[in-house]
Amino acid sequence: TTLVFEYYKNILGDSKQEHFYCVYLDNSKKIVHEKLLFIGTINYSIVHPREIFKEAYYYSASSIICVHNHPSNNLVPSNEDIKITKNLCAVGEILGIKILDHLIIGSNNYYSFLENGDI
C-alpha cells in the first residue's frame, strides 16, 4: 500500500481533478498493467465496474488495486467512494478477481480501505 501511495502521489498529488487508476496484478501480486480509467471534476468522478473488469480480463489479472485522488486533500471517503468500493468488491467476488485495496491519495497522505478494515 505504501509503495502504491509513493508512486501515485507524484502523479496525483497536485491534480485539480479526480483521476481514477487501476493497478492490475497477477497471481504472484506482480503488476501486469495499470491504467487511468476515469477523469472527473474537482470533486466527482463516474466510475463503472464494467471498464475496470474489462481491463482485468484483457490482462488476465487476478486482483486489482484501485487508486484515486481527492484534490481537496480531504482523505475521508465520500459516500460514493464507499459505495463504489463495496460494489467493486461484490462484482470482483462474482468474477473471481479480487479488489485488494482502494486508495484515496492526497498530496501528503492516503486513505486505504484495506488498512482501515473497509475491505
N, C-alpha and C. Protein backbone atom coordinates (compact mmCIF):
# COMPACT_ATOMS: atom_id res chain seq x y z
N THR A 1 0.83 -1.20 0.00
CA THR A 1 0.00 0.00 0.00
C THR A 1 0.87 1.26 0.00
N THR A 2 1.88 1.26 0.84
CA THR A 2 2.76 2.43 0.90
C THR A 2 3.49 2.64 -0.43
N LEU A 3 3.92 1.56 -1.06
CA LEU A 3 4.60 1.68 -2.36
C LEU A 3 3.67 2.27 -3.41
N VAL A 4 2.42 1.82 -3.40
CA VAL A 4 1.44 2.35 -4.35
C VAL A 4 1.23 3.84 -4.10
N PHE A 5 1.11 4.22 -2.83
CA PHE A 5 0.95 5.63 -2.50
C PHE A 5 2.15 6.45 -2.98
N GLU A 6 3.35 5.97 -2.68
CA GLU A 6 4.56 6.71 -3.07
C GLU A 6 4.61 6.94 -4.59
N TYR A 7 4.22 5.94 -5.35
CA TYR A 7 4.22 6.07 -6.80
C TYR A 7 3.15 7.06 -7.27
N TYR A 8 1.93 6.90 -6.78
CA TYR A 8 0.82 7.71 -7.29
C TYR A 8 0.76 9.11 -6.72
N LYS A 9 1.36 9.36 -5.57
CA LYS A 9 1.32 10.74 -5.04
C LYS A 9 2.05 11.69 -5.98
N ASN A 10 3.07 11.19 -6.66
CA ASN A 10 3.79 12.03 -7.62
C ASN A 10 2.96 12.30 -8.86
N ILE A 11 2.08 11.40 -9.19
CA ILE A 11 1.21 11.56 -10.36
C ILE A 11 -0.04 12.37 -10.01
N LEU A 12 -0.62 12.09 -8.84
CA LEU A 12 -1.93 12.64 -8.50
C LEU A 12 -1.92 13.74 -7.44
N GLY A 13 -0.83 13.89 -6.73
CA GLY A 13 -0.80 14.76 -5.55
C GLY A 13 -1.25 16.18 -5.77
N ASP A 14 -0.92 16.77 -6.90
CA ASP A 14 -1.27 18.18 -7.13
C ASP A 14 -2.36 18.37 -8.17
N SER A 15 -2.99 17.31 -8.58
CA SER A 15 -4.02 17.41 -9.61
C SER A 15 -5.24 18.16 -9.10
N LYS A 16 -5.86 18.92 -9.97
CA LYS A 16 -7.07 19.68 -9.62
C LYS A 16 -8.35 18.93 -9.98
N GLN A 17 -8.20 17.75 -10.58
CA GLN A 17 -9.34 16.90 -10.94
C GLN A 17 -9.14 15.52 -10.34
N GLU A 18 -10.25 14.82 -10.12
CA GLU A 18 -10.16 13.44 -9.68
C GLU A 18 -9.72 12.56 -10.85
N HIS A 19 -8.78 11.68 -10.57
CA HIS A 19 -8.32 10.67 -11.53
C HIS A 19 -8.45 9.32 -10.85
N PHE A 20 -8.97 8.35 -11.57
CA PHE A 20 -9.18 7.01 -11.03
C PHE A 20 -8.34 6.02 -11.84
N TYR A 21 -7.36 5.42 -11.18
CA TYR A 21 -6.48 4.42 -11.79
C TYR A 21 -6.78 3.05 -11.22
N CYS A 22 -6.47 2.03 -12.01
CA CYS A 22 -6.48 0.67 -11.51
C CYS A 22 -5.12 0.05 -11.80
N VAL A 23 -4.63 -0.68 -10.81
CA VAL A 23 -3.39 -1.43 -10.93
C VAL A 23 -3.80 -2.90 -10.96
N TYR A 24 -3.42 -3.59 -12.02
CA TYR A 24 -3.81 -4.98 -12.23
C TYR A 24 -2.64 -5.89 -11.90
N LEU A 25 -2.92 -6.93 -11.10
CA LEU A 25 -1.88 -7.83 -10.64
C LEU A 25 -2.17 -9.27 -11.02
N ASP A 26 -1.09 -10.05 -11.16
CA ASP A 26 -1.25 -11.48 -11.46
C ASP A 26 -1.34 -12.27 -10.16
N ASN A 27 -1.30 -13.60 -10.27
CA ASN A 27 -1.41 -14.47 -9.08
C ASN A 27 -0.29 -14.26 -8.08
N SER A 28 0.87 -13.80 -8.55
CA SER A 28 2.02 -13.55 -7.68
C SER A 28 2.04 -12.13 -7.14
N LYS A 29 0.98 -11.39 -7.38
CA LYS A 29 0.84 -9.99 -6.97
C LYS A 29 1.87 -9.09 -7.67
N LYS A 30 2.26 -9.47 -8.86
CA LYS A 30 3.12 -8.63 -9.68
C LYS A 30 2.24 -7.82 -10.62
N ILE A 31 2.63 -6.58 -10.85
CA ILE A 31 1.84 -5.69 -11.70
C ILE A 31 1.94 -6.15 -13.15
N VAL A 32 0.77 -6.35 -13.77
CA VAL A 32 0.74 -6.70 -15.19
C VAL A 32 0.28 -5.51 -16.04
N HIS A 33 -0.38 -4.55 -15.39
CA HIS A 33 -0.88 -3.38 -16.14
C HIS A 33 -1.39 -2.34 -15.15
N GLU A 34 -1.36 -1.10 -15.56
CA GLU A 34 -2.02 -0.03 -14.80
C GLU A 34 -2.63 0.91 -15.81
N LYS A 35 -3.76 1.47 -15.44
CA LYS A 35 -4.46 2.30 -16.42
C LYS A 35 -5.28 3.38 -15.73
N LEU A 36 -5.22 4.57 -16.31
CA LEU A 36 -6.12 5.65 -15.92
C LEU A 36 -7.44 5.37 -16.61
N LEU A 37 -8.48 5.15 -15.82
CA LEU A 37 -9.77 4.78 -16.39
C LEU A 37 -10.79 5.90 -16.41
N PHE A 38 -10.71 6.80 -15.45
CA PHE A 38 -11.72 7.85 -15.35
C PHE A 38 -11.07 9.16 -14.90
N ILE A 39 -11.51 10.26 -15.49
CA ILE A 39 -11.12 11.59 -15.04
C ILE A 39 -12.41 12.33 -14.73
N GLY A 40 -12.46 12.91 -13.56
CA GLY A 40 -13.67 13.60 -13.14
C GLY A 40 -13.46 15.09 -13.03
N THR A 41 -14.31 15.70 -12.23
CA THR A 41 -14.22 17.13 -11.98
C THR A 41 -13.38 17.35 -10.73
N ILE A 42 -13.49 18.50 -10.15
CA ILE A 42 -12.72 18.80 -8.95
C ILE A 42 -13.11 17.89 -7.77
N ASN A 43 -14.35 17.42 -7.77
CA ASN A 43 -14.76 16.59 -6.63
C ASN A 43 -15.65 15.41 -7.02
N TYR A 44 -15.62 15.01 -8.28
CA TYR A 44 -16.54 13.94 -8.68
C TYR A 44 -15.99 13.19 -9.89
N SER A 45 -16.15 11.89 -9.84
CA SER A 45 -15.74 11.05 -10.96
C SER A 45 -16.75 9.92 -11.10
N ILE A 46 -17.10 9.60 -12.32
CA ILE A 46 -18.02 8.49 -12.56
C ILE A 46 -17.19 7.23 -12.83
N VAL A 47 -17.35 6.26 -11.97
CA VAL A 47 -16.59 5.01 -12.07
C VAL A 47 -17.57 3.89 -12.37
N HIS A 48 -17.26 3.10 -13.40
CA HIS A 48 -18.14 2.00 -13.74
C HIS A 48 -17.38 0.67 -13.70
N PRO A 49 -17.91 -0.31 -12.97
CA PRO A 49 -17.23 -1.60 -12.86
C PRO A 49 -16.92 -2.27 -14.20
N ARG A 50 -17.76 -2.07 -15.18
CA ARG A 50 -17.55 -2.72 -16.49
C ARG A 50 -16.17 -2.39 -17.05
N GLU A 51 -15.79 -1.12 -17.00
CA GLU A 51 -14.50 -0.70 -17.55
C GLU A 51 -13.33 -1.25 -16.73
N ILE A 52 -13.52 -1.31 -15.44
CA ILE A 52 -12.46 -1.81 -14.56
C ILE A 52 -12.21 -3.29 -14.80
N PHE A 53 -13.26 -4.08 -14.87
CA PHE A 53 -13.08 -5.53 -15.01
C PHE A 53 -12.80 -5.95 -16.45
N LYS A 54 -13.19 -5.16 -17.42
CA LYS A 54 -12.84 -5.43 -18.81
C LYS A 54 -11.32 -5.47 -18.95
N GLU A 55 -10.64 -4.49 -18.36
CA GLU A 55 -9.18 -4.44 -18.40
C GLU A 55 -8.57 -5.63 -17.66
N ALA A 56 -9.18 -6.00 -16.53
CA ALA A 56 -8.67 -7.13 -15.75
C ALA A 56 -8.69 -8.41 -16.58
N TYR A 57 -9.78 -8.64 -17.30
CA TYR A 57 -9.86 -9.83 -18.14
C TYR A 57 -8.88 -9.76 -19.30
N TYR A 58 -8.74 -8.59 -19.87
CA TYR A 58 -7.84 -8.44 -21.02
C TYR A 58 -6.40 -8.79 -20.64
N TYR A 59 -5.98 -8.38 -19.43
CA TYR A 59 -4.60 -8.62 -18.99
C TYR A 59 -4.47 -9.85 -18.09
N SER A 60 -5.52 -10.65 -17.99
CA SER A 60 -5.53 -11.87 -17.16
C SER A 60 -5.12 -11.58 -15.72
N ALA A 61 -5.60 -10.48 -15.20
CA ALA A 61 -5.29 -10.11 -13.82
C ALA A 61 -6.13 -10.94 -12.86
N SER A 62 -5.55 -11.23 -11.71
CA SER A 62 -6.31 -11.95 -10.70
C SER A 62 -6.71 -11.06 -9.53
N SER A 63 -6.15 -9.84 -9.50
CA SER A 63 -6.54 -8.89 -8.46
C SER A 63 -6.29 -7.47 -8.94
N ILE A 64 -6.90 -6.52 -8.23
CA ILE A 64 -6.86 -5.11 -8.62
C ILE A 64 -6.67 -4.24 -7.38
N ILE A 65 -5.88 -3.20 -7.54
CA ILE A 65 -5.81 -2.12 -6.55
C ILE A 65 -6.35 -0.87 -7.24
N CYS A 66 -7.34 -0.26 -6.65
CA CYS A 66 -7.92 0.98 -7.19
C CYS A 66 -7.27 2.16 -6.48
N VAL A 67 -7.02 3.21 -7.23
CA VAL A 67 -6.37 4.41 -6.69
C VAL A 67 -7.06 5.64 -7.29
N HIS A 68 -7.47 6.54 -6.42
CA HIS A 68 -7.92 7.83 -6.95
C HIS A 68 -7.54 8.93 -5.97
N ASN A 69 -7.57 10.15 -6.46
CA ASN A 69 -7.18 11.27 -5.64
C ASN A 69 -8.38 12.10 -5.22
N HIS A 70 -8.18 12.83 -4.15
CA HIS A 70 -9.12 13.86 -3.72
C HIS A 70 -8.38 15.18 -3.81
N PRO A 71 -8.65 16.00 -4.82
CA PRO A 71 -7.96 17.28 -4.96
C PRO A 71 -8.07 18.18 -3.73
N SER A 72 -9.12 17.99 -2.95
CA SER A 72 -9.32 18.80 -1.74
C SER A 72 -8.35 18.41 -0.63
N ASN A 73 -7.67 17.27 -0.78
CA ASN A 73 -6.80 16.68 0.25
C ASN A 73 -7.58 16.18 1.47
N ASN A 74 -8.89 16.18 1.41
CA ASN A 74 -9.71 15.55 2.45
C ASN A 74 -9.74 14.07 2.13
N LEU A 75 -9.09 13.26 2.94
CA LEU A 75 -8.94 11.85 2.64
C LEU A 75 -10.08 10.98 3.16
N VAL A 76 -11.06 11.58 3.80
CA VAL A 76 -12.21 10.81 4.28
C VAL A 76 -13.00 10.33 3.07
N PRO A 77 -13.25 9.02 2.98
CA PRO A 77 -14.01 8.52 1.83
C PRO A 77 -15.42 9.12 1.79
N SER A 78 -15.83 9.52 0.61
CA SER A 78 -17.19 10.02 0.44
C SER A 78 -18.15 8.83 0.43
N ASN A 79 -19.42 9.11 0.53
CA ASN A 79 -20.42 8.04 0.43
C ASN A 79 -20.28 7.31 -0.91
N GLU A 80 -20.00 8.07 -1.97
CA GLU A 80 -19.82 7.48 -3.29
C GLU A 80 -18.58 6.58 -3.33
N ASP A 81 -17.50 7.00 -2.66
CA ASP A 81 -16.29 6.17 -2.58
C ASP A 81 -16.58 4.84 -1.90
N ILE A 82 -17.32 4.91 -0.82
CA ILE A 82 -17.67 3.70 -0.07
C ILE A 82 -18.56 2.80 -0.91
N LYS A 83 -19.54 3.39 -1.56
CA LYS A 83 -20.48 2.62 -2.39
C LYS A 83 -19.76 1.93 -3.55
N ILE A 84 -18.91 2.66 -4.28
CA ILE A 84 -18.24 2.05 -5.43
C ILE A 84 -17.28 0.97 -4.96
N THR A 85 -16.63 1.16 -3.83
CA THR A 85 -15.71 0.14 -3.33
C THR A 85 -16.47 -1.14 -2.99
N LYS A 86 -17.60 -1.01 -2.32
CA LYS A 86 -18.42 -2.19 -1.99
C LYS A 86 -18.91 -2.87 -3.26
N ASN A 87 -19.35 -2.08 -4.24
CA ASN A 87 -19.83 -2.65 -5.50
C ASN A 87 -18.71 -3.38 -6.24
N LEU A 88 -17.53 -2.76 -6.29
CA LEU A 88 -16.40 -3.40 -6.98
C LEU A 88 -15.99 -4.70 -6.29
N CYS A 89 -16.00 -4.70 -4.98
CA CYS A 89 -15.66 -5.93 -4.24
C CYS A 89 -16.69 -7.03 -4.53
N ALA A 90 -17.96 -6.66 -4.58
CA ALA A 90 -19.01 -7.65 -4.86
C ALA A 90 -18.88 -8.20 -6.27
N VAL A 91 -18.67 -7.33 -7.25
CA VAL A 91 -18.50 -7.77 -8.63
C VAL A 91 -17.24 -8.63 -8.75
N GLY A 92 -16.18 -8.19 -8.10
CA GLY A 92 -14.93 -8.95 -8.13
C GLY A 92 -15.08 -10.34 -7.56
N GLU A 93 -15.86 -10.45 -6.51
CA GLU A 93 -16.09 -11.77 -5.91
C GLU A 93 -16.81 -12.69 -6.89
N ILE A 94 -17.79 -12.15 -7.58
CA ILE A 94 -18.53 -12.94 -8.57
C ILE A 94 -17.63 -13.36 -9.72
N LEU A 95 -16.77 -12.43 -10.18
CA LEU A 95 -15.93 -12.69 -11.34
C LEU A 95 -14.62 -13.40 -11.01
N GLY A 96 -14.31 -13.52 -9.72
CA GLY A 96 -13.07 -14.17 -9.32
C GLY A 96 -11.85 -13.28 -9.46
N ILE A 97 -12.04 -11.98 -9.40
CA ILE A 97 -10.95 -11.00 -9.47
C ILE A 97 -11.08 -10.10 -8.24
N LYS A 98 -10.18 -10.30 -7.30
CA LYS A 98 -10.30 -9.64 -6.00
C LYS A 98 -9.84 -8.18 -6.05
N ILE A 99 -10.60 -7.32 -5.38
CA ILE A 99 -10.17 -5.94 -5.14
C ILE A 99 -9.33 -5.99 -3.86
N LEU A 100 -8.02 -5.79 -4.00
CA LEU A 100 -7.12 -5.87 -2.85
C LEU A 100 -7.21 -4.64 -1.97
N ASP A 101 -7.33 -3.47 -2.60
CA ASP A 101 -7.38 -2.23 -1.83
C ASP A 101 -7.93 -1.13 -2.73
N HIS A 102 -8.35 -0.07 -2.10
CA HIS A 102 -8.75 1.16 -2.78
C HIS A 102 -8.10 2.28 -2.00
N LEU A 103 -7.21 3.00 -2.65
CA LEU A 103 -6.50 4.10 -2.00
C LEU A 103 -7.06 5.43 -2.45
N ILE A 104 -7.21 6.33 -1.50
CA ILE A 104 -7.53 7.72 -1.80
C ILE A 104 -6.26 8.51 -1.51
N ILE A 105 -5.78 9.21 -2.52
CA ILE A 105 -4.49 9.89 -2.43
C ILE A 105 -4.69 11.40 -2.24
N GLY A 106 -3.94 11.94 -1.31
CA GLY A 106 -3.83 13.38 -1.16
C GLY A 106 -2.40 13.77 -1.46
N SER A 107 -2.05 15.03 -1.29
CA SER A 107 -0.70 15.45 -1.64
C SER A 107 0.35 14.90 -0.68
N ASN A 108 -0.02 14.62 0.57
CA ASN A 108 0.97 14.14 1.54
C ASN A 108 0.59 12.86 2.26
N ASN A 109 -0.59 12.35 2.02
CA ASN A 109 -1.02 11.17 2.76
C ASN A 109 -2.06 10.41 1.95
N TYR A 110 -2.55 9.32 2.50
CA TYR A 110 -3.52 8.50 1.80
C TYR A 110 -4.48 7.85 2.79
N TYR A 111 -5.58 7.36 2.25
CA TYR A 111 -6.53 6.54 3.00
C TYR A 111 -6.59 5.20 2.28
N SER A 112 -6.45 4.13 3.03
CA SER A 112 -6.52 2.78 2.49
C SER A 112 -7.75 2.08 3.04
N PHE A 113 -8.62 1.63 2.15
CA PHE A 113 -9.79 0.87 2.60
C PHE A 113 -9.34 -0.42 3.29
N LEU A 114 -8.29 -1.05 2.79
CA LEU A 114 -7.78 -2.28 3.40
C LEU A 114 -7.23 -2.02 4.79
N GLU A 115 -6.34 -1.04 4.92
CA GLU A 115 -5.72 -0.76 6.21
C GLU A 115 -6.73 -0.30 7.26
N ASN A 116 -7.84 0.27 6.81
CA ASN A 116 -8.87 0.73 7.74
C ASN A 116 -9.98 -0.29 7.96
N GLY A 117 -9.79 -1.51 7.43
CA GLY A 117 -10.75 -2.58 7.65
C GLY A 117 -12.03 -2.44 6.86
N ASP A 118 -12.01 -1.66 5.79
CA ASP A 118 -13.21 -1.44 4.99
C ASP A 118 -13.30 -2.35 3.78
N ILE A 119 -12.31 -3.20 3.59
CA ILE A 119 -12.36 -4.23 2.55
C ILE A 119 -12.10 -5.55 3.24
